[in-house]
Amino acid sequence: MTMMIAAGIAAATPAVSGPHYTPGTVYFNKTETAELTYPVGVAAVRAVTAEPFGRLVGANATEIMVKASSANVVGQCVKVTADGTIGTYGGNDGDGYCQ
């Protein structure tokens, strides 16, 4: 019975893994945004980010670290568009992925 309850809880709690993509934009959640505040974290997130966004993350690491630091302070997340624009988002933006 305990296993059934645990399975029900696991099924009700969606797993958030990896960046979220919409056409032209990649959205990072709060954990990924926190990782983007330091160089090793940028490299780790870049490694799991699909192209062309992985390349954009690497090429704009300093700006992303600054945006991520600011986003963390106000409880928001980082997003990157296909044209290289780096911004922050929260709430329902990015399909509500900033959690």
N, C-alpha and C. Protein backbone atom coordinates (compact mmCIF):
# COMPACT_ATOMS: atom_id res chain seq x y z
N MET A 1 0.82 -1.19 0.00
CA MET A 1 0.00 0.00 0.00
C MET A 1 0.87 1.26 0.00
N THR A 2 1.95 1.26 0.75
CA THR A 2 2.82 2.42 0.81
C THR A 2 3.40 2.73 -0.56
N MET A 3 3.76 1.70 -1.30
CA MET A 3 4.32 1.91 -2.62
C MET A 3 3.29 2.55 -3.55
N MET A 4 2.01 2.17 -3.41
CA MET A 4 0.97 2.75 -4.25
C MET A 4 0.81 4.23 -3.92
N ILE A 5 0.86 4.60 -2.65
CA ILE A 5 0.73 6.00 -2.26
C ILE A 5 1.91 6.79 -2.81
N ALA A 6 3.11 6.26 -2.63
CA ALA A 6 4.30 6.95 -3.13
C ALA A 6 4.24 7.11 -4.65
N ALA A 7 3.77 6.09 -5.33
CA ALA A 7 3.66 6.17 -6.79
C ALA A 7 2.65 7.22 -7.20
N GLY A 8 1.56 7.32 -6.44
CA GLY A 8 0.54 8.34 -6.72
C GLY A 8 1.08 9.74 -6.53
N ILE A 9 1.89 9.95 -5.49
CA ILE A 9 2.49 11.25 -5.24
C ILE A 9 3.47 11.58 -6.35
N ALA A 10 4.28 10.62 -6.74
CA ALA A 10 5.25 10.85 -7.80
C ALA A 10 4.55 11.19 -9.11
N ALA A 11 3.44 10.53 -9.39
CA ALA A 11 2.71 10.79 -10.61
C ALA A 11 2.07 12.18 -10.59
N ALA A 12 1.67 12.65 -9.40
CA ALA A 12 1.03 13.95 -9.28
C ALA A 12 2.04 15.10 -9.30
N THR A 13 3.30 14.81 -9.03
CA THR A 13 4.33 15.84 -9.00
C THR A 13 5.12 15.78 -10.29
N PRO A 14 4.94 16.77 -11.18
CA PRO A 14 5.66 16.72 -12.44
C PRO A 14 7.16 16.92 -12.23
N ALA A 15 7.96 16.17 -12.94
CA ALA A 15 9.40 16.31 -12.87
C ALA A 15 9.83 17.44 -13.80
N VAL A 16 10.66 18.32 -13.31
CA VAL A 16 11.17 19.41 -14.12
C VAL A 16 12.62 19.10 -14.40
N SER A 17 12.91 18.77 -15.65
CA SER A 17 14.29 18.42 -15.97
C SER A 17 14.66 19.01 -17.32
N GLY A 18 15.75 19.72 -17.34
CA GLY A 18 16.23 20.31 -18.57
C GLY A 18 15.47 21.56 -18.94
N PRO A 19 16.06 22.38 -19.80
CA PRO A 19 15.42 23.61 -20.23
C PRO A 19 14.11 23.36 -20.96
N HIS A 20 13.28 24.40 -20.99
CA HIS A 20 11.98 24.34 -21.67
C HIS A 20 12.08 25.17 -22.94
N TYR A 21 11.63 24.62 -24.04
CA TYR A 21 11.74 25.28 -25.34
C TYR A 21 10.38 25.65 -25.89
N THR A 22 10.30 26.85 -26.43
CA THR A 22 9.18 27.25 -27.28
C THR A 22 9.83 27.75 -28.57
N PRO A 23 9.09 27.93 -29.65
CA PRO A 23 9.74 28.39 -30.88
C PRO A 23 10.52 29.69 -30.65
N GLY A 24 11.82 29.62 -30.85
CA GLY A 24 12.67 30.79 -30.76
C GLY A 24 13.18 31.17 -29.38
N THR A 25 12.81 30.43 -28.33
CA THR A 25 13.24 30.79 -26.97
C THR A 25 13.48 29.54 -26.14
N VAL A 26 14.50 29.61 -25.29
CA VAL A 26 14.73 28.57 -24.29
C VAL A 26 14.56 29.22 -22.92
N TYR A 27 13.84 28.53 -22.05
CA TYR A 27 13.56 29.02 -20.70
C TYR A 27 14.25 28.11 -19.69
N PHE A 28 14.89 28.71 -18.70
CA PHE A 28 15.54 27.97 -17.63
C PHE A 28 14.74 28.13 -16.35
N ASN A 29 14.62 27.05 -15.56
CA ASN A 29 13.88 27.12 -14.31
C ASN A 29 14.76 27.75 -13.22
N LYS A 30 14.25 27.83 -12.00
CA LYS A 30 14.98 28.48 -10.91
C LYS A 30 16.27 27.75 -10.56
N THR A 31 16.27 26.44 -10.60
CA THR A 31 17.49 25.68 -10.31
C THR A 31 18.55 25.94 -11.37
N GLU A 32 18.14 25.88 -12.63
CA GLU A 32 19.09 26.15 -13.72
C GLU A 32 19.57 27.59 -13.69
N THR A 33 18.66 28.52 -13.35
CA THR A 33 19.04 29.93 -13.24
C THR A 33 20.08 30.11 -12.15
N ALA A 34 19.90 29.44 -11.02
CA ALA A 34 20.90 29.52 -9.94
C ALA A 34 22.25 28.97 -10.41
N GLU A 35 22.23 27.90 -11.18
CA GLU A 35 23.47 27.34 -11.72
C GLU A 35 24.15 28.30 -12.69
N LEU A 36 23.35 29.11 -13.38
CA LEU A 36 23.89 30.06 -14.35
C LEU A 36 24.57 31.26 -13.71
N THR A 37 24.66 31.31 -12.41
CA THR A 37 25.30 32.45 -11.74
C THR A 37 26.81 32.28 -11.60
N TYR A 38 27.36 31.15 -11.99
CA TYR A 38 28.80 30.94 -11.89
C TYR A 38 29.29 30.14 -13.11
N PRO A 39 30.57 30.30 -13.47
CA PRO A 39 31.08 29.72 -14.72
C PRO A 39 30.90 28.21 -14.86
N VAL A 40 31.14 27.46 -13.82
CA VAL A 40 30.98 26.00 -13.92
C VAL A 40 29.52 25.64 -14.17
N GLY A 41 28.62 26.39 -13.57
CA GLY A 41 27.19 26.16 -13.79
C GLY A 41 26.78 26.48 -15.21
N VAL A 42 27.35 27.55 -15.78
CA VAL A 42 27.07 27.90 -17.17
C VAL A 42 27.48 26.75 -18.08
N ALA A 43 28.65 26.19 -17.84
CA ALA A 43 29.13 25.07 -18.65
C ALA A 43 28.21 23.86 -18.51
N ALA A 44 27.74 23.59 -17.29
CA ALA A 44 26.86 22.44 -17.06
C ALA A 44 25.52 22.63 -17.77
N VAL A 45 24.95 23.82 -17.65
CA VAL A 45 23.67 24.08 -18.31
C VAL A 45 23.84 24.07 -19.82
N ARG A 46 24.92 24.65 -20.31
CA ARG A 46 25.17 24.66 -21.75
C ARG A 46 25.22 23.23 -22.31
N ALA A 47 25.79 22.32 -21.55
CA ALA A 47 25.95 20.94 -22.00
C ALA A 47 24.61 20.24 -22.24
N VAL A 48 23.55 20.69 -21.59
CA VAL A 48 22.24 20.05 -21.76
C VAL A 48 21.26 20.91 -22.55
N THR A 49 21.76 22.00 -23.15
CA THR A 49 20.92 22.91 -23.90
C THR A 49 21.10 22.68 -25.40
N ALA A 50 19.98 22.50 -26.08
CA ALA A 50 20.02 22.23 -27.53
C ALA A 50 20.52 23.44 -28.31
N GLU A 51 21.11 23.17 -29.47
CA GLU A 51 21.57 24.25 -30.35
C GLU A 51 20.37 24.91 -31.03
N PRO A 52 20.43 26.19 -31.35
CA PRO A 52 21.59 27.07 -31.25
C PRO A 52 21.78 27.68 -29.87
N PHE A 53 20.89 27.33 -28.94
CA PHE A 53 20.91 27.96 -27.63
C PHE A 53 22.15 27.63 -26.81
N GLY A 54 22.66 26.40 -26.93
CA GLY A 54 23.87 26.03 -26.20
C GLY A 54 25.03 26.93 -26.59
N ARG A 55 25.16 27.18 -27.87
CA ARG A 55 26.22 28.06 -28.36
C ARG A 55 26.02 29.49 -27.84
N LEU A 56 24.76 29.96 -27.83
CA LEU A 56 24.46 31.30 -27.33
C LEU A 56 24.76 31.43 -25.84
N VAL A 57 24.46 30.38 -25.08
CA VAL A 57 24.77 30.39 -23.65
C VAL A 57 26.28 30.52 -23.45
N GLY A 58 27.06 29.75 -24.19
CA GLY A 58 28.51 29.82 -24.06
C GLY A 58 29.08 31.15 -24.49
N ALA A 59 28.56 31.70 -25.59
CA ALA A 59 29.08 32.96 -26.12
C ALA A 59 28.71 34.17 -25.26
N ASN A 60 27.67 34.05 -24.48
CA ASN A 60 27.17 35.17 -23.67
C ASN A 60 27.22 34.86 -22.18
N ALA A 61 28.20 34.06 -21.77
CA ALA A 61 28.26 33.58 -20.39
C ALA A 61 28.26 34.71 -19.36
N THR A 62 29.04 35.75 -19.58
CA THR A 62 29.13 36.83 -18.60
C THR A 62 27.79 37.53 -18.44
N GLU A 63 27.15 37.88 -19.55
CA GLU A 63 25.84 38.54 -19.47
C GLU A 63 24.80 37.62 -18.82
N ILE A 64 24.86 36.34 -19.13
CA ILE A 64 23.92 35.39 -18.54
C ILE A 64 24.13 35.29 -17.03
N MET A 65 25.38 35.27 -16.59
CA MET A 65 25.65 35.20 -15.15
C MET A 65 25.09 36.43 -14.43
N VAL A 66 25.23 37.60 -15.04
CA VAL A 66 24.70 38.83 -14.44
C VAL A 66 23.17 38.78 -14.39
N LYS A 67 22.54 38.40 -15.50
CA LYS A 67 21.07 38.29 -15.54
C LYS A 67 20.56 37.25 -14.55
N ALA A 68 21.28 36.12 -14.46
CA ALA A 68 20.86 35.06 -13.53
C ALA A 68 20.95 35.54 -12.09
N SER A 69 21.99 36.28 -11.75
CA SER A 69 22.13 36.81 -10.40
C SER A 69 20.97 37.74 -10.07
N SER A 70 20.64 38.63 -10.99
CA SER A 70 19.52 39.55 -10.78
C SER A 70 18.20 38.80 -10.68
N ALA A 71 18.02 37.80 -11.53
CA ALA A 71 16.79 37.01 -11.51
C ALA A 71 16.62 36.29 -10.19
N ASN A 72 17.70 35.73 -9.66
CA ASN A 72 17.63 35.03 -8.37
C ASN A 72 17.16 35.94 -7.25
N VAL A 73 17.61 37.18 -7.26
CA VAL A 73 17.25 38.13 -6.20
C VAL A 73 15.75 38.37 -6.15
N VAL A 74 15.10 38.41 -7.32
CA VAL A 74 13.68 38.74 -7.37
C VAL A 74 12.80 37.52 -7.64
N GLY A 75 13.38 36.31 -7.58
CA GLY A 75 12.59 35.09 -7.76
C GLY A 75 12.16 34.83 -9.19
N GLN A 76 12.96 35.28 -10.16
CA GLN A 76 12.65 35.03 -11.55
C GLN A 76 13.66 34.07 -12.16
N CYS A 77 13.56 33.86 -13.47
CA CYS A 77 14.40 32.92 -14.19
C CYS A 77 14.96 33.56 -15.45
N VAL A 78 15.94 32.89 -16.07
CA VAL A 78 16.59 33.38 -17.29
C VAL A 78 15.96 32.73 -18.51
N LYS A 79 15.88 33.54 -19.59
CA LYS A 79 15.47 33.02 -20.90
C LYS A 79 16.43 33.57 -21.94
N VAL A 80 16.61 32.81 -23.03
CA VAL A 80 17.48 33.22 -24.13
C VAL A 80 16.70 33.00 -25.43
N THR A 81 16.70 34.02 -26.28
CA THR A 81 16.02 33.89 -27.55
C THR A 81 17.02 33.49 -28.64
N ALA A 82 16.50 33.01 -29.75
CA ALA A 82 17.35 32.53 -30.84
C ALA A 82 18.20 33.65 -31.45
N ASP A 83 17.80 34.92 -31.26
CA ASP A 83 18.62 36.01 -31.78
C ASP A 83 19.68 36.47 -30.77
N GLY A 84 19.78 35.76 -29.63
CA GLY A 84 20.81 36.06 -28.64
C GLY A 84 20.38 36.99 -27.53
N THR A 85 19.13 37.42 -27.51
CA THR A 85 18.64 38.28 -26.44
C THR A 85 18.52 37.48 -25.15
N ILE A 86 19.08 38.02 -24.07
CA ILE A 86 19.05 37.36 -22.78
C ILE A 86 18.16 38.18 -21.86
N GLY A 87 17.18 37.53 -21.27
CA GLY A 87 16.25 38.25 -20.40
C GLY A 87 15.86 37.42 -19.20
N THR A 88 14.94 37.96 -18.43
CA THR A 88 14.41 37.25 -17.27
C THR A 88 12.89 37.15 -17.43
N TYR A 89 12.31 36.21 -16.74
CA TYR A 89 10.86 36.02 -16.79
C TYR A 89 10.39 35.39 -15.49
N GLY A 90 9.12 35.41 -15.30
CA GLY A 90 8.50 34.79 -14.12
C GLY A 90 7.03 34.58 -14.40
N GLY A 91 6.31 34.17 -13.39
CA GLY A 91 4.87 33.99 -13.53
C GLY A 91 4.52 32.94 -14.55
N ASN A 92 3.59 33.27 -15.43
CA ASN A 92 3.12 32.33 -16.44
C ASN A 92 3.91 32.39 -17.74
N ASP A 93 4.86 33.32 -17.84
CA ASP A 93 5.70 33.37 -19.04
C ASP A 93 6.44 32.04 -19.18
N GLY A 94 6.80 31.69 -20.39
CA GLY A 94 7.53 30.42 -20.61
C GLY A 94 6.73 29.22 -20.19
N ASP A 95 5.41 29.30 -20.37
CA ASP A 95 4.49 28.22 -19.98
C ASP A 95 4.55 27.93 -18.48
N GLY A 96 4.90 28.94 -17.68
CA GLY A 96 4.94 28.77 -16.22
C GLY A 96 6.12 27.93 -15.75
N TYR A 97 7.19 27.88 -16.55
CA TYR A 97 8.33 27.02 -16.24
C TYR A 97 9.21 27.54 -15.12
N CYS A 98 9.11 28.82 -14.75
CA CYS A 98 9.97 29.40 -13.71
C CYS A 98 9.47 28.93 -12.34
N GLN A 99 9.90 27.74 -11.96
CA GLN A 99 9.49 27.15 -10.67
C GLN A 99 10.66 26.48 -9.99
